[in-house]
Amino acid sequence: MIEALHIIAGLLATVVIAWIAAWSYVPGERDIWITAVAAMAAVIAMGVNPMRRAWAADKANPAQRVGTAE
């Protein structure tokens, strides 16, 4: 599912950006990671609905799945 890959990419991007920010501004490291965790929660929350819609579409029409015979 491409939706899962988008969520994973968003989480990885958040971690990389937070790590770089925490490395560059050590006094604010705790706050940076708190904000990063909130951003990761938002990425997951925004990815739930597209994931559910894709799952429902796959269940509704299994013949359109990649790798299935028509």
C-alpha atoms as a PDB file:
ATOM      1  CA  MET A   1       0.000   0.000   0.000  1.00  0.00           C
ATOM      2  CA  ILE A   2       1.385   3.319  -1.062  1.00  0.00           C
ATOM      3  CA  GLU A   3      -0.410   5.002   1.834  1.00  0.00           C
ATOM      4  CA  ALA A   4       1.686   3.066   4.344  1.00  0.00           C
ATOM      5  CA  LEU A   5       4.833   4.120   2.509  1.00  0.00           C
ATOM      6  CA  HIS A   6       3.741   7.749   2.725  1.00  0.00           C
ATOM      7  CA  ILE A   7       3.255   7.435   6.480  1.00  0.00           C
ATOM      8  CA  ILE A   8       6.650   5.787   6.891  1.00  0.00           C
ATOM      9  CA  ALA A   9       8.289   8.477   4.757  1.00  0.00           C
ATOM     10  CA  GLY A  10       6.648  11.189   6.852  1.00  0.00           C
ATOM     11  CA  LEU A  11       7.832   9.585  10.073  1.00  0.00           C
ATOM     12  CA  LEU A  12      11.375   9.187   8.761  1.00  0.00           C
ATOM     13  CA  ALA A  13      11.465  12.786   7.564  1.00  0.00           C
ATOM     14  CA  THR A  14      10.245  13.972  10.961  1.00  0.00           C
ATOM     15  CA  VAL A  15      12.916  11.987  12.783  1.00  0.00           C
ATOM     16  CA  VAL A  16      15.681  13.241  10.492  1.00  0.00           C
ATOM     17  CA  ILE A  17      14.612  16.869  10.810  1.00  0.00           C
ATOM     18  CA  ALA A  18      14.222  16.572  14.591  1.00  0.00           C
ATOM     19  CA  TRP A  19      17.595  14.875  14.937  1.00  0.00           C
ATOM     20  CA  ILE A  20      19.326  17.605  12.946  1.00  0.00           C
ATOM     21  CA  ALA A  21      17.506  20.319  14.890  1.00  0.00           C
ATOM     22  CA  ALA A  22      18.332  18.712  18.248  1.00  0.00           C
ATOM     23  CA  TRP A  23      21.955  18.317  17.224  1.00  0.00           C
ATOM     24  CA  SER A  24      22.243  21.935  16.142  1.00  0.00           C
ATOM     25  CA  TYR A  25      20.449  23.443  19.157  1.00  0.00           C
ATOM     26  CA  VAL A  26      21.342  21.377  22.204  1.00  0.00           C
ATOM     27  CA  PRO A  27      19.610  23.609  24.817  1.00  0.00           C
ATOM     28  CA  GLY A  28      16.272  23.011  23.104  1.00  0.00           C
ATOM     29  CA  GLU A  29      16.733  19.291  22.506  1.00  0.00           C
ATOM     30  CA  ARG A  30      13.938  18.192  24.841  1.00  0.00           C
ATOM     31  CA  ASP A  31      11.442  20.632  23.338  1.00  0.00           C
ATOM     32  CA  ILE A  32      12.460  19.689  19.812  1.00  0.00           C
ATOM     33  CA  TRP A  33      11.796  16.001  20.470  1.00  0.00           C
ATOM     34  CA  ILE A  34       8.463  16.748  22.162  1.00  0.00           C
ATOM     35  CA  THR A  35       7.441  18.714  19.086  1.00  0.00           C
ATOM     36  CA  ALA A  36       8.719  15.939  16.822  1.00  0.00           C
ATOM     37  CA  VAL A  37       6.620  13.350  18.649  1.00  0.00           C
ATOM     38  CA  ALA A  38       3.562  15.568  18.221  1.00  0.00           C
ATOM     39  CA  ALA A  39       4.367  15.932  14.518  1.00  0.00           C
ATOM     40  CA  MET A  40       4.733  12.154  14.178  1.00  0.00           C
ATOM     41  CA  ALA A  41       1.351  11.678  15.837  1.00  0.00           C
ATOM     42  CA  ALA A  42      -0.123  14.151  13.344  1.00  0.00           C
ATOM     43  CA  VAL A  43       1.459  12.286  10.417  1.00  0.00           C
ATOM     44  CA  ILE A  44      -0.080   9.036  11.631  1.00  0.00           C
ATOM     45  CA  ALA A  45      -3.457  10.666  12.285  1.00  0.00           C
ATOM     46  CA  MET A  46      -3.534  12.208   8.813  1.00  0.00           C
ATOM     47  CA  GLY A  47      -2.624   8.874   7.237  1.00  0.00           C
ATOM     48  CA  VAL A  48      -5.345   6.814   8.900  1.00  0.00           C
ATOM     49  CA  ASN A  49      -8.260   7.931   6.712  1.00  0.00           C
ATOM     50  CA  PRO A  50      -6.468   7.424   3.363  1.00  0.00           C
ATOM     51  CA  MET A  51      -5.331   4.012   4.602  1.00  0.00           C
ATOM     52  CA  ARG A  52      -8.898   3.054   5.533  1.00  0.00           C
ATOM     53  CA  ARG A  53     -10.224   4.242   2.168  1.00  0.00           C
ATOM     54  CA  ALA A  54      -7.578   2.266   0.281  1.00  0.00           C
ATOM     55  CA  TRP A  55      -8.304  -0.816   2.353  1.00  0.00           C
ATOM     56  CA  ALA A  56     -12.033  -0.499   1.664  1.00  0.00           C
ATOM     57  CA  ALA A  57     -11.373  -0.040  -2.055  1.00  0.00           C
ATOM     58  CA  ASP A  58      -9.212  -3.159  -2.111  1.00  0.00           C
ATOM     59  CA  LYS A  59     -11.908  -5.176  -0.375  1.00  0.00           C
ATOM     60  CA  ALA A  60     -14.622  -3.846  -2.687  1.00  0.00           C
ATOM     61  CA  ASN A  61     -12.812  -4.713  -5.917  1.00  0.00           C
ATOM     62  CA  PRO A  62     -10.135  -7.388  -5.426  1.00  0.00           C
ATOM     63  CA  ALA A  63      -9.718  -7.872  -9.199  1.00  0.00           C
ATOM     64  CA  GLN A  64      -7.901  -4.540  -9.469  1.00  0.00           C
ATOM     65  CA  ARG A  65      -5.130  -5.556  -7.091  1.00  0.00           C
ATOM     66  CA  VAL A  66      -1.663  -5.795  -8.515  1.00  0.00           C
ATOM     67  CA  GLY A  67      -0.615  -9.337  -9.283  1.00  0.00           C
ATOM     68  CA  THR A  68      -4.062 -10.883  -9.563  1.00  0.00           C
ATOM     69  CA  ALA A  69      -5.319 -12.608 -12.660  1.00  0.00           C
ATOM     70  CA  GLU A  70      -8.248 -11.070 -14.459  1.00  0.00           C
END
